């Protein structure tokens, strides 16, 4: 993780510092994906001791807001207005926290991928995000406001400083299994039970 984080900071032109939490976002830039509260939070986020790496494209409004913030805070925000699969994997691998503040999310794959990488998801409690992320494997905020988003980011940053708690969170995250094998096994058990009747 340390190597991947350092590599990500370098390629994103951010100061290399293993003690600064890196928040990664890989998303379509749209209100549905939480860009409204994220954009409203950027000035305050820049005052926290965190770095933000954003990869995605979408609504011009959010692209411009994020571009302005990245220019204003180049040591804090690294913006990549494109879709880039190799960079996406570097963000999953090198970030400490995967930010997914979607207003609604029927399923969500980003949080599942981040779990496999040991990158802790921070999500809004909705849909598939609420089904997969909890206090044992990530951070969840339940009021869709910039204040709650920032409060949860601060909390995650504090927890990341406690090595034993953070390592346990990473272990819990990486042990999560949301694969089809789990569903298939449950189906087989249900089928076997029904067959006995």
C-alpha atoms as a PDB file:
ATOM      1  CA  UNK A   1       0.000   0.000   0.000  1.00  0.00           C
ATOM      2  CA  UNK A   2       2.808   2.414   0.871  1.00  0.00           C
ATOM      3  CA  UNK A   3       4.478   1.916  -2.521  1.00  0.00           C
ATOM      4  CA  UNK A   4       1.172   2.308  -4.384  1.00  0.00           C
ATOM      5  CA  UNK A   5       0.300   5.444  -2.436  1.00  0.00           C
ATOM      6  CA  UNK A   6       3.680   7.030  -3.067  1.00  0.00           C
ATOM      7  CA  UNK A   7       3.429   6.162  -6.754  1.00  0.00           C
ATOM      8  CA  UNK A   8      -0.064   7.677  -6.958  1.00  0.00           C
ATOM      9  CA  UNK A   9       1.067  10.872  -5.248  1.00  0.00           C
ATOM     10  CA  UNK A  10       3.988  11.167  -7.674  1.00  0.00           C
ATOM     11  CA  UNK A  11       1.986  10.609 -10.857  1.00  0.00           C
ATOM     12  CA  UNK A  12      -0.692  13.005  -9.607  1.00  0.00           C
ATOM     13  CA  UNK A  13       1.867  15.720  -8.770  1.00  0.00           C
ATOM     14  CA  UNK A  14       0.876  15.731  -5.114  1.00  0.00           C
ATOM     15  CA  UNK A  15       3.362  16.055  -2.263  1.00  0.00           C
ATOM     16  CA  UNK A  16       4.607  12.585  -1.339  1.00  0.00           C
ATOM     17  CA  UNK A  17       3.700  12.014   2.285  1.00  0.00           C
ATOM     18  CA  UNK A  18       2.613   8.651   3.664  1.00  0.00           C
ATOM     19  CA  UNK A  19       0.897  10.338   6.624  1.00  0.00           C
ATOM     20  CA  UNK A  20      -1.564  12.381   4.551  1.00  0.00           C
ATOM     21  CA  UNK A  21      -4.747  10.429   3.795  1.00  0.00           C
ATOM     22  CA  UNK A  22      -5.388  10.172   0.059  1.00  0.00           C
ATOM     23  CA  UNK A  23      -9.041  10.153  -0.964  1.00  0.00           C
ATOM     24  CA  UNK A  24      -9.788   8.684  -4.369  1.00  0.00           C
ATOM     25  CA  UNK A  25     -12.814   9.282  -6.555  1.00  0.00           C
ATOM     26  CA  UNK A  26     -13.504   7.444  -9.799  1.00  0.00           C
ATOM     27  CA  UNK A  27     -16.851   8.572 -11.078  1.00  0.00           C
ATOM     28  CA  UNK A  28     -19.057  10.112 -13.653  1.00  0.00           C
ATOM     29  CA  UNK A  29     -19.186  13.752 -12.607  1.00  0.00           C
ATOM     30  CA  UNK A  30     -22.872  14.303 -11.961  1.00  0.00           C
ATOM     31  CA  UNK A  31     -25.196  15.321  -9.159  1.00  0.00           C
ATOM     32  CA  UNK A  32     -26.344  11.708  -8.763  1.00  0.00           C
ATOM     33  CA  UNK A  33     -22.758  10.775  -7.882  1.00  0.00           C
ATOM     34  CA  UNK A  34     -22.547  13.365  -5.108  1.00  0.00           C
ATOM     35  CA  UNK A  35     -20.701  16.039  -7.051  1.00  0.00           C
ATOM     36  CA  UNK A  36     -23.003  18.730  -5.687  1.00  0.00           C
ATOM     37  CA  UNK A  37     -22.020  18.220  -2.040  1.00  0.00           C
ATOM     38  CA  UNK A  38     -18.446  17.431  -3.017  1.00  0.00           C
ATOM     39  CA  UNK A  39     -18.121  20.707  -4.948  1.00  0.00           C
ATOM     40  CA  UNK A  40     -19.610  22.604  -2.002  1.00  0.00           C
ATOM     41  CA  UNK A  41     -17.042  20.965   0.300  1.00  0.00           C
ATOM     42  CA  UNK A  42     -13.846  21.623  -1.634  1.00  0.00           C
ATOM     43  CA  UNK A  43     -12.717  24.812   0.121  1.00  0.00           C
ATOM     44  CA  UNK A  44     -13.138  23.210   3.533  1.00  0.00           C
ATOM     45  CA  UNK A  45     -11.678  19.924   2.319  1.00  0.00           C
ATOM     46  CA  UNK A  46      -8.550  21.766   1.194  1.00  0.00           C
ATOM     47  CA  UNK A  47      -8.052  22.973   4.787  1.00  0.00           C
ATOM     48  CA  UNK A  48      -7.958  19.401   6.073  1.00  0.00           C
ATOM     49  CA  UNK A  49      -4.760  17.414   5.962  1.00  0.00           C
ATOM     50  CA  UNK A  50      -5.914  15.247   3.035  1.00  0.00           C
ATOM     51  CA  UNK A  51      -5.271  14.846  -0.666  1.00  0.00           C
ATOM     52  CA  UNK A  52      -7.997  14.243  -3.229  1.00  0.00           C
ATOM     53  CA  UNK A  53      -7.484  12.420  -6.527  1.00  0.00           C
ATOM     54  CA  UNK A  54     -10.447  12.619  -8.909  1.00  0.00           C
ATOM     55  CA  UNK A  55     -10.800  10.648 -12.130  1.00  0.00           C
ATOM     56  CA  UNK A  56     -13.843  11.041 -14.328  1.00  0.00           C
ATOM     57  CA  UNK A  57     -15.809  13.196 -16.699  1.00  0.00           C
ATOM     58  CA  UNK A  58     -19.381  14.333 -16.907  1.00  0.00           C
ATOM     59  CA  UNK A  59     -21.466  17.437 -16.407  1.00  0.00           C
ATOM     60  CA  UNK A  60     -19.613  20.528 -17.569  1.00  0.00           C
ATOM     61  CA  UNK A  61     -20.740  22.406 -14.453  1.00  0.00           C
ATOM     62  CA  UNK A  62     -18.921  19.973 -12.153  1.00  0.00           C
ATOM     63  CA  UNK A  63     -15.920  19.656 -14.432  1.00  0.00           C
ATOM     64  CA  UNK A  64     -15.455  23.435 -14.259  1.00  0.00           C
ATOM     65  CA  UNK A  65     -15.974  23.612 -10.483  1.00  0.00           C
ATOM     66  CA  UNK A  66     -13.474  20.821  -9.904  1.00  0.00           C
ATOM     67  CA  UNK A  67     -10.998  22.296 -12.372  1.00  0.00           C
ATOM     68  CA  UNK A  68     -11.122  25.644 -10.573  1.00  0.00           C
ATOM     69  CA  UNK A  69     -10.590  23.940  -7.212  1.00  0.00           C
ATOM     70  CA  UNK A  70      -7.689  21.845  -8.535  1.00  0.00           C
ATOM     71  CA  UNK A  71      -6.009  24.999  -9.864  1.00  0.00           C
ATOM     72  CA  UNK A  72      -6.609  26.773  -6.556  1.00  0.00           C
ATOM     73  CA  UNK A  73      -5.349  23.850  -4.429  1.00  0.00           C
ATOM     74  CA  UNK A  74      -2.711  22.009  -6.509  1.00  0.00           C
ATOM     75  CA  UNK A  75      -1.077  20.425  -3.443  1.00  0.00           C
ATOM     76  CA  UNK A  76      -4.399  19.014  -2.315  1.00  0.00           C
ATOM     77  CA  UNK A  77      -6.475  18.174  -5.404  1.00  0.00           C
ATOM     78  CA  UNK A  78      -5.402  16.250  -8.489  1.00  0.00           C
ATOM     79  CA  UNK A  79      -8.041  16.218 -11.220  1.00  0.00           C
ATOM     80  CA  UNK A  80      -8.119  13.953 -14.270  1.00  0.00           C
ATOM     81  CA  UNK A  81     -11.069  14.764 -16.534  1.00  0.00           C
ATOM     82  CA  UNK A  82     -11.123  11.533 -18.491  1.00  0.00           C
ATOM     83  CA  UNK A  83     -11.678   7.831 -18.169  1.00  0.00           C
ATOM     84  CA  UNK A  84      -8.400   5.985 -17.808  1.00  0.00           C
ATOM     85  CA  UNK A  85      -8.490   2.342 -16.710  1.00  0.00           C
ATOM     86  CA  UNK A  86      -4.799   2.049 -15.717  1.00  0.00           C
ATOM     87  CA  UNK A  87      -5.052   5.244 -13.656  1.00  0.00           C
ATOM     88  CA  UNK A  88      -8.289   3.993 -12.089  1.00  0.00           C
ATOM     89  CA  UNK A  89      -6.484   0.909 -10.800  1.00  0.00           C
ATOM     90  CA  UNK A  90      -3.672   3.076  -9.448  1.00  0.00           C
ATOM     91  CA  UNK A  91      -6.252   5.182  -7.602  1.00  0.00           C
ATOM     92  CA  UNK A  92      -7.905   2.093  -6.119  1.00  0.00           C
ATOM     93  CA  UNK A  93      -4.508   0.713  -5.112  1.00  0.00           C
ATOM     94  CA  UNK A  94      -2.910   3.916  -3.836  1.00  0.00           C
ATOM     95  CA  UNK A  95      -5.742   5.718  -2.078  1.00  0.00           C
ATOM     96  CA  UNK A  96      -6.405   5.258   1.607  1.00  0.00           C
ATOM     97  CA  UNK A  97     -10.089   6.111   1.294  1.00  0.00           C
ATOM     98  CA  UNK A  98     -12.443   5.683  -1.653  1.00  0.00           C
ATOM     99  CA  UNK A  99     -14.997   8.480  -1.696  1.00  0.00           C
ATOM    100  CA  UNK A 100     -18.410   7.578  -3.100  1.00  0.00           C
ATOM    101  CA  UNK A 101     -20.974  10.120  -1.855  1.00  0.00           C
ATOM    102  CA  UNK A 102     -23.659   9.165  -4.390  1.00  0.00           C
ATOM    103  CA  UNK A 103     -27.091  10.660  -3.804  1.00  0.00           C
ATOM    104  CA  UNK A 104     -28.552   7.378  -5.056  1.00  0.00           C
ATOM    105  CA  UNK A 105     -26.804   4.243  -6.210  1.00  0.00           C
ATOM    106  CA  UNK A 106     -28.835   1.141  -7.098  1.00  0.00           C
ATOM    107  CA  UNK A 107     -25.791  -1.128  -6.884  1.00  0.00           C
ATOM    108  CA  UNK A 108     -22.400   0.512  -7.074  1.00  0.00           C
ATOM    109  CA  UNK A 109     -19.231  -1.227  -8.142  1.00  0.00           C
ATOM    110  CA  UNK A 110     -16.602   1.270  -7.031  1.00  0.00           C
ATOM    111  CA  UNK A 111     -17.030   0.502  -3.354  1.00  0.00           C
ATOM    112  CA  UNK A 112     -16.772  -3.239  -4.055  1.00  0.00           C
ATOM    113  CA  UNK A 113     -13.578  -2.800  -6.055  1.00  0.00           C
ATOM    114  CA  UNK A 114     -12.088  -0.572  -3.371  1.00  0.00           C
ATOM    115  CA  UNK A 115     -12.778  -3.229  -0.731  1.00  0.00           C
ATOM    116  CA  UNK A 116     -10.712  -5.745  -2.705  1.00  0.00           C
ATOM    117  CA  UNK A 117      -7.838  -3.270  -2.842  1.00  0.00           C
ATOM    118  CA  UNK A 118      -8.015  -2.575   0.888  1.00  0.00           C
ATOM    119  CA  UNK A 119      -9.015   1.014   0.188  1.00  0.00           C
ATOM    120  CA  UNK A 120     -11.658   2.006   2.695  1.00  0.00           C
ATOM    121  CA  UNK A 121     -14.956   3.197   1.195  1.00  0.00           C
ATOM    122  CA  UNK A 122     -16.625   6.346   2.486  1.00  0.00           C
ATOM    123  CA  UNK A 123     -20.195   6.404   1.199  1.00  0.00           C
ATOM    124  CA  UNK A 124     -23.606   7.975   1.559  1.00  0.00           C
ATOM    125  CA  UNK A 125     -26.134   5.535   2.999  1.00  0.00           C
ATOM    126  CA  UNK A 126     -28.203   4.670  -0.054  1.00  0.00           C
ATOM    127  CA  UNK A 127     -29.043   1.663  -2.212  1.00  0.00           C
ATOM    128  CA  UNK A 128     -26.192  -0.724  -2.899  1.00  0.00           C
ATOM    129  CA  UNK A 129     -23.793   1.417  -0.896  1.00  0.00           C
ATOM    130  CA  UNK A 130     -25.904   0.923   2.229  1.00  0.00           C
ATOM    131  CA  UNK A 131     -26.152  -2.803   1.460  1.00  0.00           C
ATOM    132  CA  UNK A 132     -22.397  -3.323   1.286  1.00  0.00           C
ATOM    133  CA  UNK A 133     -20.644  -0.737   3.459  1.00  0.00           C
ATOM    134  CA  UNK A 134     -20.925  -0.417   7.226  1.00  0.00           C
ATOM    135  CA  UNK A 135     -18.786   0.654  10.171  1.00  0.00           C
ATOM    136  CA  UNK A 136     -16.880  -2.641  10.038  1.00  0.00           C
ATOM    137  CA  UNK A 137     -15.550  -2.106   6.511  1.00  0.00           C
ATOM    138  CA  UNK A 138     -15.874   1.610   5.818  1.00  0.00           C
ATOM    139  CA  UNK A 139     -17.470   4.918   6.706  1.00  0.00           C
ATOM    140  CA  UNK A 140     -21.092   5.850   6.089  1.00  0.00           C
ATOM    141  CA  UNK A 141     -22.897   9.161   6.408  1.00  0.00           C
ATOM    142  CA  UNK A 142     -26.677   9.204   6.464  1.00  0.00           C
ATOM    143  CA  UNK A 143     -27.605  12.854   5.875  1.00  0.00           C
ATOM    144  CA  UNK A 144     -26.912  14.078   2.363  1.00  0.00           C
ATOM    145  CA  UNK A 145     -25.175  17.341   3.263  1.00  0.00           C
ATOM    146  CA  UNK A 146     -21.697  18.751   2.812  1.00  0.00           C
ATOM    147  CA  UNK A 147     -21.452  19.056   6.595  1.00  0.00           C
ATOM    148  CA  UNK A 148     -22.014  15.329   7.079  1.00  0.00           C
ATOM    149  CA  UNK A 149     -19.633  14.496   4.244  1.00  0.00           C
ATOM    150  CA  UNK A 150     -16.880  16.638   5.788  1.00  0.00           C
ATOM    151  CA  UNK A 151     -17.575  15.292   9.274  1.00  0.00           C
ATOM    152  CA  UNK A 152     -17.223  11.728   7.991  1.00  0.00           C
ATOM    153  CA  UNK A 153     -14.022  12.550   6.080  1.00  0.00           C
ATOM    154  CA  UNK A 154     -12.577  14.050   9.280  1.00  0.00           C
ATOM    155  CA  UNK A 155     -13.583  10.941  11.222  1.00  0.00           C
ATOM    156  CA  UNK A 156     -11.966   8.668   8.636  1.00  0.00           C
ATOM    157  CA  UNK A 157      -8.815  10.783   8.768  1.00  0.00           C
ATOM    158  CA  UNK A 158      -8.668  10.445  12.544  1.00  0.00           C
ATOM    159  CA  UNK A 159      -9.173   6.683  12.435  1.00  0.00           C
ATOM    160  CA  UNK A 160      -6.454   6.355   9.783  1.00  0.00           C
ATOM    161  CA  UNK A 161      -3.945   7.669  12.342  1.00  0.00           C
ATOM    162  CA  UNK A 162      -4.664   4.719  14.640  1.00  0.00           C
ATOM    163  CA  UNK A 163      -2.640   1.983  12.938  1.00  0.00           C
ATOM    164  CA  UNK A 164      -4.239  -0.994  14.681  1.00  0.00           C
ATOM    165  CA  UNK A 165      -7.805   0.220  14.030  1.00  0.00           C
ATOM    166  CA  UNK A 166      -6.971   1.135  10.442  1.00  0.00           C
ATOM    167  CA  UNK A 167      -5.262  -2.187   9.752  1.00  0.00           C
ATOM    168  CA  UNK A 168      -8.292  -4.016  11.161  1.00  0.00           C
ATOM    169  CA  UNK A 169     -10.596  -1.972   8.935  1.00  0.00           C
ATOM    170  CA  UNK A 170      -8.456  -2.844   5.905  1.00  0.00           C
ATOM    171  CA  UNK A 171      -8.488  -6.521   6.853  1.00  0.00           C
ATOM    172  CA  UNK A 172     -12.272  -6.458   7.276  1.00  0.00           C
ATOM    173  CA  UNK A 173     -12.653  -4.717   3.921  1.00  0.00           C
ATOM    174  CA  UNK A 174     -10.479  -7.202   2.072  1.00  0.00           C
ATOM    175  CA  UNK A 175     -12.314 -10.155   3.605  1.00  0.00           C
ATOM    176  CA  UNK A 176     -15.686  -8.965   2.269  1.00  0.00           C
ATOM    177  CA  UNK A 177     -17.065 -11.258  -0.388  1.00  0.00           C
ATOM    178  CA  UNK A 178     -19.863  -9.961  -2.581  1.00  0.00           C
ATOM    179  CA  UNK A 179     -19.127 -12.366  -5.421  1.00  0.00           C
ATOM    180  CA  UNK A 180     -21.690 -14.444  -7.279  1.00  0.00           C
ATOM    181  CA  UNK A 181     -20.286 -17.515  -5.533  1.00  0.00           C
ATOM    182  CA  UNK A 182     -21.861 -16.372  -2.265  1.00  0.00           C
ATOM    183  CA  UNK A 183     -25.245 -15.865  -3.943  1.00  0.00           C
ATOM    184  CA  UNK A 184     -24.935 -19.149  -5.831  1.00  0.00           C
ATOM    185  CA  UNK A 185     -24.144 -21.058  -2.629  1.00  0.00           C
ATOM    186  CA  UNK A 186     -27.205 -19.543  -0.928  1.00  0.00           C
ATOM    187  CA  UNK A 187     -29.338 -20.482  -3.925  1.00  0.00           C
ATOM    188  CA  UNK A 188     -28.048 -24.069  -3.842  1.00  0.00           C
ATOM    189  CA  UNK A 189     -28.830 -24.309  -0.126  1.00  0.00           C
ATOM    190  CA  UNK A 190     -32.323 -22.937  -0.709  1.00  0.00           C
ATOM    191  CA  UNK A 191     -32.858 -25.327  -3.619  1.00  0.00           C
ATOM    192  CA  UNK A 192     -31.711 -28.311  -1.537  1.00  0.00           C
ATOM    193  CA  UNK A 193     -34.055 -27.281   1.272  1.00  0.00           C
ATOM    194  CA  UNK A 194     -36.997 -26.917  -1.130  1.00  0.00           C
ATOM    195  CA  UNK A 195     -36.201 -30.243  -2.765  1.00  0.00           C
ATOM    196  CA  UNK A 196     -36.539 -32.034   0.594  1.00  0.00           C
ATOM    197  CA  UNK A 197     -40.147 -30.890   0.938  1.00  0.00           C
END
